[in-house]
């Protein structure tokens, strides 16, 4: 079970890092001829949000029975309210 937990934590950290990088660059200005790439980058950002939410849901399902109604991840306690808050925050980061 330790290897599953370690793999899960690594996946969450990589996905979160990617999400932060994408969030800070989603509104970058590009020349008009690269508009298609800009839209593809924005689409990748939205897909990354969905993937991150999926990883959180997978972790919740995996560790729910082991720890109880909450899962402990890197010293933080997550339940469904925190997962929803993180998703909403990730959606609105580019607009802040």
N, C-alpha and C. Protein backbone atom coordinates (compact mmCIF):
# COMPACT_ATOMS: atom_id res chain seq x y z
N UNK A 1 0.82 -1.20 0.00
CA UNK A 1 0.00 0.00 0.00
C UNK A 1 0.87 1.26 0.00
N UNK A 2 2.09 1.15 0.54
CA UNK A 2 2.97 2.31 0.57
C UNK A 2 3.36 2.76 -0.83
N UNK A 3 3.58 1.80 -1.74
CA UNK A 3 3.96 2.19 -3.10
C UNK A 3 2.79 2.87 -3.82
N UNK A 4 1.56 2.44 -3.53
CA UNK A 4 0.40 3.09 -4.13
C UNK A 4 0.28 4.51 -3.60
N UNK A 5 0.47 4.68 -2.30
CA UNK A 5 0.38 6.01 -1.69
C UNK A 5 1.48 6.92 -2.24
N UNK A 6 2.70 6.41 -2.32
CA UNK A 6 3.82 7.20 -2.84
C UNK A 6 3.58 7.60 -4.29
N UNK A 7 3.12 6.66 -5.09
CA UNK A 7 2.82 6.95 -6.49
C UNK A 7 1.71 7.98 -6.60
N UNK A 8 0.70 7.86 -5.76
CA UNK A 8 -0.41 8.81 -5.78
C UNK A 8 0.05 10.22 -5.42
N UNK A 9 0.85 10.34 -4.36
CA UNK A 9 1.34 11.65 -3.94
C UNK A 9 2.20 12.27 -5.04
N UNK A 10 3.05 11.47 -5.67
CA UNK A 10 3.89 11.98 -6.75
C UNK A 10 3.01 12.46 -7.91
N UNK A 11 2.00 11.69 -8.27
CA UNK A 11 1.11 12.07 -9.37
C UNK A 11 0.38 13.36 -9.07
N UNK A 12 -0.09 13.51 -7.83
CA UNK A 12 -0.79 14.74 -7.43
C UNK A 12 0.15 15.94 -7.50
N UNK A 13 1.37 15.77 -7.02
CA UNK A 13 2.32 16.89 -7.05
C UNK A 13 2.66 17.30 -8.48
N UNK A 14 2.89 16.33 -9.36
CA UNK A 14 3.19 16.64 -10.75
C UNK A 14 2.00 17.32 -11.42
N UNK A 15 0.81 16.79 -11.20
CA UNK A 15 -0.38 17.37 -11.81
C UNK A 15 -0.65 18.77 -11.29
N UNK A 16 -0.45 19.00 -9.99
CA UNK A 16 -0.66 20.32 -9.41
C UNK A 16 0.36 21.32 -9.95
N UNK A 17 1.62 20.89 -10.06
CA UNK A 17 2.66 21.76 -10.62
C UNK A 17 2.32 22.15 -12.06
N UNK A 18 1.91 21.18 -12.86
CA UNK A 18 1.51 21.46 -14.23
C UNK A 18 0.32 22.41 -14.27
N UNK A 19 -0.63 22.21 -13.38
CA UNK A 19 -1.82 23.06 -13.34
C UNK A 19 -1.45 24.51 -12.98
N UNK A 20 -0.53 24.69 -12.06
CA UNK A 20 -0.11 26.04 -11.69
C UNK A 20 0.61 26.72 -12.85
N UNK A 21 1.49 25.98 -13.52
CA UNK A 21 2.21 26.54 -14.67
C UNK A 21 1.23 26.94 -15.77
N UNK A 22 0.29 26.07 -16.06
CA UNK A 22 -0.70 26.38 -17.08
C UNK A 22 -1.57 27.56 -16.68
N UNK A 23 -1.94 27.64 -15.41
CA UNK A 23 -2.82 28.71 -14.93
C UNK A 23 -2.16 30.08 -15.09
N UNK A 24 -0.87 30.16 -14.82
CA UNK A 24 -0.20 31.46 -14.92
C UNK A 24 0.13 31.85 -16.35
N UNK A 25 0.02 30.92 -17.27
CA UNK A 25 0.35 31.23 -18.67
C UNK A 25 -0.84 31.13 -19.61
N UNK A 26 -2.03 30.88 -19.10
CA UNK A 26 -3.18 30.64 -19.97
C UNK A 26 -3.60 31.89 -20.74
N UNK A 27 -3.35 33.06 -20.21
CA UNK A 27 -3.74 34.31 -20.88
C UNK A 27 -2.57 35.01 -21.55
N UNK A 28 -1.54 34.26 -21.92
CA UNK A 28 -0.38 34.88 -22.55
C UNK A 28 -0.76 35.45 -23.92
N UNK A 29 -0.09 36.50 -24.28
CA UNK A 29 -0.35 37.10 -25.60
C UNK A 29 0.57 36.46 -26.63
N UNK A 30 0.00 36.13 -27.76
CA UNK A 30 0.75 35.51 -28.85
C UNK A 30 0.37 36.22 -30.15
N UNK A 31 1.23 36.12 -31.15
CA UNK A 31 0.88 36.71 -32.45
C UNK A 31 -0.37 36.05 -33.03
N UNK A 32 -1.09 36.77 -33.86
CA UNK A 32 -2.33 36.23 -34.44
C UNK A 32 -2.15 34.91 -35.19
N UNK A 33 -0.99 34.72 -35.81
CA UNK A 33 -0.80 33.49 -36.57
C UNK A 33 -0.65 32.26 -35.66
N UNK A 34 -0.43 32.49 -34.35
CA UNK A 34 -0.34 31.38 -33.40
C UNK A 34 -1.60 31.24 -32.56
N UNK A 35 -2.69 31.81 -33.02
CA UNK A 35 -3.95 31.76 -32.28
C UNK A 35 -4.45 30.35 -32.04
N UNK A 36 -4.22 29.46 -32.99
CA UNK A 36 -4.66 28.07 -32.84
C UNK A 36 -3.90 27.41 -31.69
N UNK A 37 -2.59 27.68 -31.60
CA UNK A 37 -1.80 27.11 -30.51
C UNK A 37 -2.24 27.67 -29.16
N UNK A 38 -2.61 28.94 -29.14
CA UNK A 38 -3.09 29.55 -27.90
C UNK A 38 -4.38 28.87 -27.43
N UNK A 39 -5.28 28.60 -28.36
CA UNK A 39 -6.53 27.92 -28.00
C UNK A 39 -6.27 26.49 -27.57
N UNK A 40 -5.31 25.83 -28.19
CA UNK A 40 -4.95 24.47 -27.78
C UNK A 40 -4.37 24.48 -26.37
N UNK A 41 -3.56 25.49 -26.06
CA UNK A 41 -2.99 25.64 -24.72
C UNK A 41 -4.09 25.87 -23.70
N UNK A 42 -5.07 26.70 -24.03
CA UNK A 42 -6.19 26.96 -23.13
C UNK A 42 -7.01 25.68 -22.92
N UNK A 43 -7.21 24.93 -24.00
CA UNK A 43 -7.94 23.66 -23.88
C UNK A 43 -7.19 22.69 -22.97
N UNK A 44 -5.87 22.64 -23.11
CA UNK A 44 -5.05 21.78 -22.25
C UNK A 44 -5.18 22.20 -20.78
N UNK A 45 -5.30 23.47 -20.52
CA UNK A 45 -5.49 23.96 -19.15
C UNK A 45 -6.79 23.42 -18.57
N UNK A 46 -7.87 23.48 -19.33
CA UNK A 46 -9.15 22.97 -18.84
C UNK A 46 -9.12 21.46 -18.65
N UNK A 47 -8.45 20.76 -19.54
CA UNK A 47 -8.29 19.31 -19.40
C UNK A 47 -7.48 18.99 -18.14
N UNK A 48 -6.47 19.79 -17.87
CA UNK A 48 -5.64 19.59 -16.68
C UNK A 48 -6.46 19.75 -15.40
N UNK A 49 -7.39 20.69 -15.39
CA UNK A 49 -8.27 20.86 -14.22
C UNK A 49 -9.09 19.59 -14.00
N UNK A 50 -9.62 19.04 -15.07
CA UNK A 50 -10.42 17.82 -14.96
C UNK A 50 -9.56 16.65 -14.50
N UNK A 51 -8.33 16.55 -15.02
CA UNK A 51 -7.43 15.48 -14.59
C UNK A 51 -7.09 15.61 -13.11
N UNK A 52 -6.82 16.83 -12.67
CA UNK A 52 -6.49 17.05 -11.26
C UNK A 52 -7.66 16.65 -10.37
N UNK A 53 -8.86 17.03 -10.77
CA UNK A 53 -10.05 16.63 -10.01
C UNK A 53 -10.19 15.11 -10.00
N UNK A 54 -9.89 14.48 -11.12
CA UNK A 54 -9.92 13.02 -11.19
C UNK A 54 -8.93 12.38 -10.25
N UNK A 55 -7.70 12.92 -10.19
CA UNK A 55 -6.70 12.40 -9.26
C UNK A 55 -7.17 12.54 -7.82
N UNK A 56 -7.76 13.67 -7.48
CA UNK A 56 -8.25 13.86 -6.12
C UNK A 56 -9.37 12.86 -5.81
N UNK A 57 -10.23 12.63 -6.76
CA UNK A 57 -11.31 11.67 -6.56
C UNK A 57 -10.77 10.25 -6.40
N UNK A 58 -9.79 9.89 -7.22
CA UNK A 58 -9.17 8.57 -7.10
C UNK A 58 -8.53 8.40 -5.72
N UNK A 59 -7.82 9.42 -5.27
CA UNK A 59 -7.20 9.35 -3.95
C UNK A 59 -8.23 9.23 -2.85
N UNK A 60 -9.31 9.95 -2.99
CA UNK A 60 -10.38 9.87 -2.00
C UNK A 60 -10.94 8.45 -1.95
N UNK A 61 -11.15 7.85 -3.10
CA UNK A 61 -11.69 6.49 -3.15
C UNK A 61 -10.68 5.48 -2.60
N UNK A 62 -9.40 5.64 -2.94
CA UNK A 62 -8.39 4.69 -2.49
C UNK A 62 -8.19 4.71 -0.98
N UNK A 63 -8.13 5.89 -0.41
CA UNK A 63 -7.73 6.00 0.99
C UNK A 63 -8.89 6.24 1.94
N UNK A 64 -10.10 6.28 1.45
CA UNK A 64 -11.24 6.52 2.30
C UNK A 64 -11.40 5.42 3.35
N UNK A 65 -11.29 4.17 2.96
CA UNK A 65 -11.47 3.06 3.88
C UNK A 65 -10.29 2.92 4.83
N UNK A 66 -9.12 3.31 4.39
CA UNK A 66 -7.93 3.16 5.22
C UNK A 66 -7.92 4.15 6.37
N UNK A 67 -8.34 5.39 6.12
CA UNK A 67 -8.20 6.45 7.11
C UNK A 67 -9.55 6.88 7.68
N UNK A 68 -10.64 6.59 7.02
CA UNK A 68 -11.94 7.00 7.51
C UNK A 68 -12.61 7.91 6.49
N UNK A 69 -13.34 8.90 6.97
CA UNK A 69 -14.06 9.80 6.07
C UNK A 69 -13.17 10.86 5.44
N UNK A 70 -11.96 11.01 5.91
CA UNK A 70 -11.03 12.00 5.36
C UNK A 70 -9.75 11.29 4.95
N UNK A 71 -9.05 11.86 4.00
CA UNK A 71 -7.74 11.31 3.64
C UNK A 71 -6.68 12.33 4.00
N UNK A 72 -5.58 11.85 4.49
CA UNK A 72 -4.48 12.73 4.86
C UNK A 72 -3.46 12.69 3.73
N UNK A 73 -3.17 13.85 3.17
CA UNK A 73 -2.24 13.92 2.05
C UNK A 73 -1.29 15.07 2.29
N UNK A 74 -0.02 14.75 2.49
CA UNK A 74 1.02 15.76 2.72
C UNK A 74 0.66 16.65 3.92
N UNK A 75 0.08 16.08 4.95
CA UNK A 75 -0.25 16.85 6.14
C UNK A 75 -1.54 17.64 6.05
N UNK A 76 -2.23 17.59 4.93
CA UNK A 76 -3.50 18.31 4.76
C UNK A 76 -4.63 17.31 4.79
N UNK A 77 -5.79 17.76 5.22
CA UNK A 77 -6.96 16.89 5.25
C UNK A 77 -7.92 17.36 4.18
N UNK A 78 -8.30 16.43 3.29
CA UNK A 78 -9.21 16.75 2.20
C UNK A 78 -10.51 15.99 2.38
N UNK A 79 -11.60 16.62 2.14
CA UNK A 79 -12.86 15.92 1.94
C UNK A 79 -13.50 16.53 0.71
N UNK A 80 -14.71 16.15 0.39
CA UNK A 80 -15.28 16.59 -0.88
C UNK A 80 -15.43 18.11 -0.97
N UNK A 81 -15.63 18.81 0.16
CA UNK A 81 -15.76 20.27 0.11
C UNK A 81 -14.45 20.92 -0.30
N UNK A 82 -13.34 20.40 0.19
CA UNK A 82 -12.04 20.95 -0.18
C UNK A 82 -11.71 20.64 -1.63
N UNK A 83 -12.09 19.47 -2.10
CA UNK A 83 -11.85 19.12 -3.50
C UNK A 83 -12.60 20.08 -4.42
N UNK A 84 -13.85 20.35 -4.10
CA UNK A 84 -14.64 21.29 -4.91
C UNK A 84 -14.03 22.69 -4.84
N UNK A 85 -13.56 23.11 -3.67
CA UNK A 85 -12.94 24.43 -3.54
C UNK A 85 -11.69 24.54 -4.39
N UNK A 86 -10.87 23.49 -4.42
CA UNK A 86 -9.65 23.51 -5.21
C UNK A 86 -9.98 23.58 -6.69
N UNK A 87 -10.98 22.85 -7.13
CA UNK A 87 -11.38 22.89 -8.54
C UNK A 87 -11.84 24.29 -8.92
N UNK A 88 -12.67 24.89 -8.09
CA UNK A 88 -13.16 26.24 -8.37
C UNK A 88 -12.01 27.24 -8.40
N UNK A 89 -11.09 27.12 -7.45
CA UNK A 89 -9.93 28.01 -7.41
C UNK A 89 -9.09 27.87 -8.68
N UNK A 90 -8.87 26.64 -9.13
CA UNK A 90 -8.07 26.42 -10.34
C UNK A 90 -8.73 27.01 -11.58
N UNK A 91 -10.04 27.00 -11.61
CA UNK A 91 -10.74 27.57 -12.75
C UNK A 91 -10.57 29.09 -12.79
N UNK A 92 -10.57 29.73 -11.62
CA UNK A 92 -10.56 31.19 -11.59
C UNK A 92 -9.19 31.83 -11.42
N UNK A 93 -8.12 31.05 -11.26
CA UNK A 93 -6.77 31.61 -11.11
C UNK A 93 -6.39 32.54 -12.27
N UNK A 94 -6.67 32.20 -13.53
CA UNK A 94 -6.26 33.08 -14.62
C UNK A 94 -6.98 34.43 -14.60
N UNK A 95 -8.10 34.52 -13.96
CA UNK A 95 -8.87 35.75 -13.96
C UNK A 95 -8.56 36.66 -12.79
N UNK A 96 -7.66 36.21 -11.90
CA UNK A 96 -7.31 37.02 -10.72
C UNK A 96 -6.23 38.02 -11.09
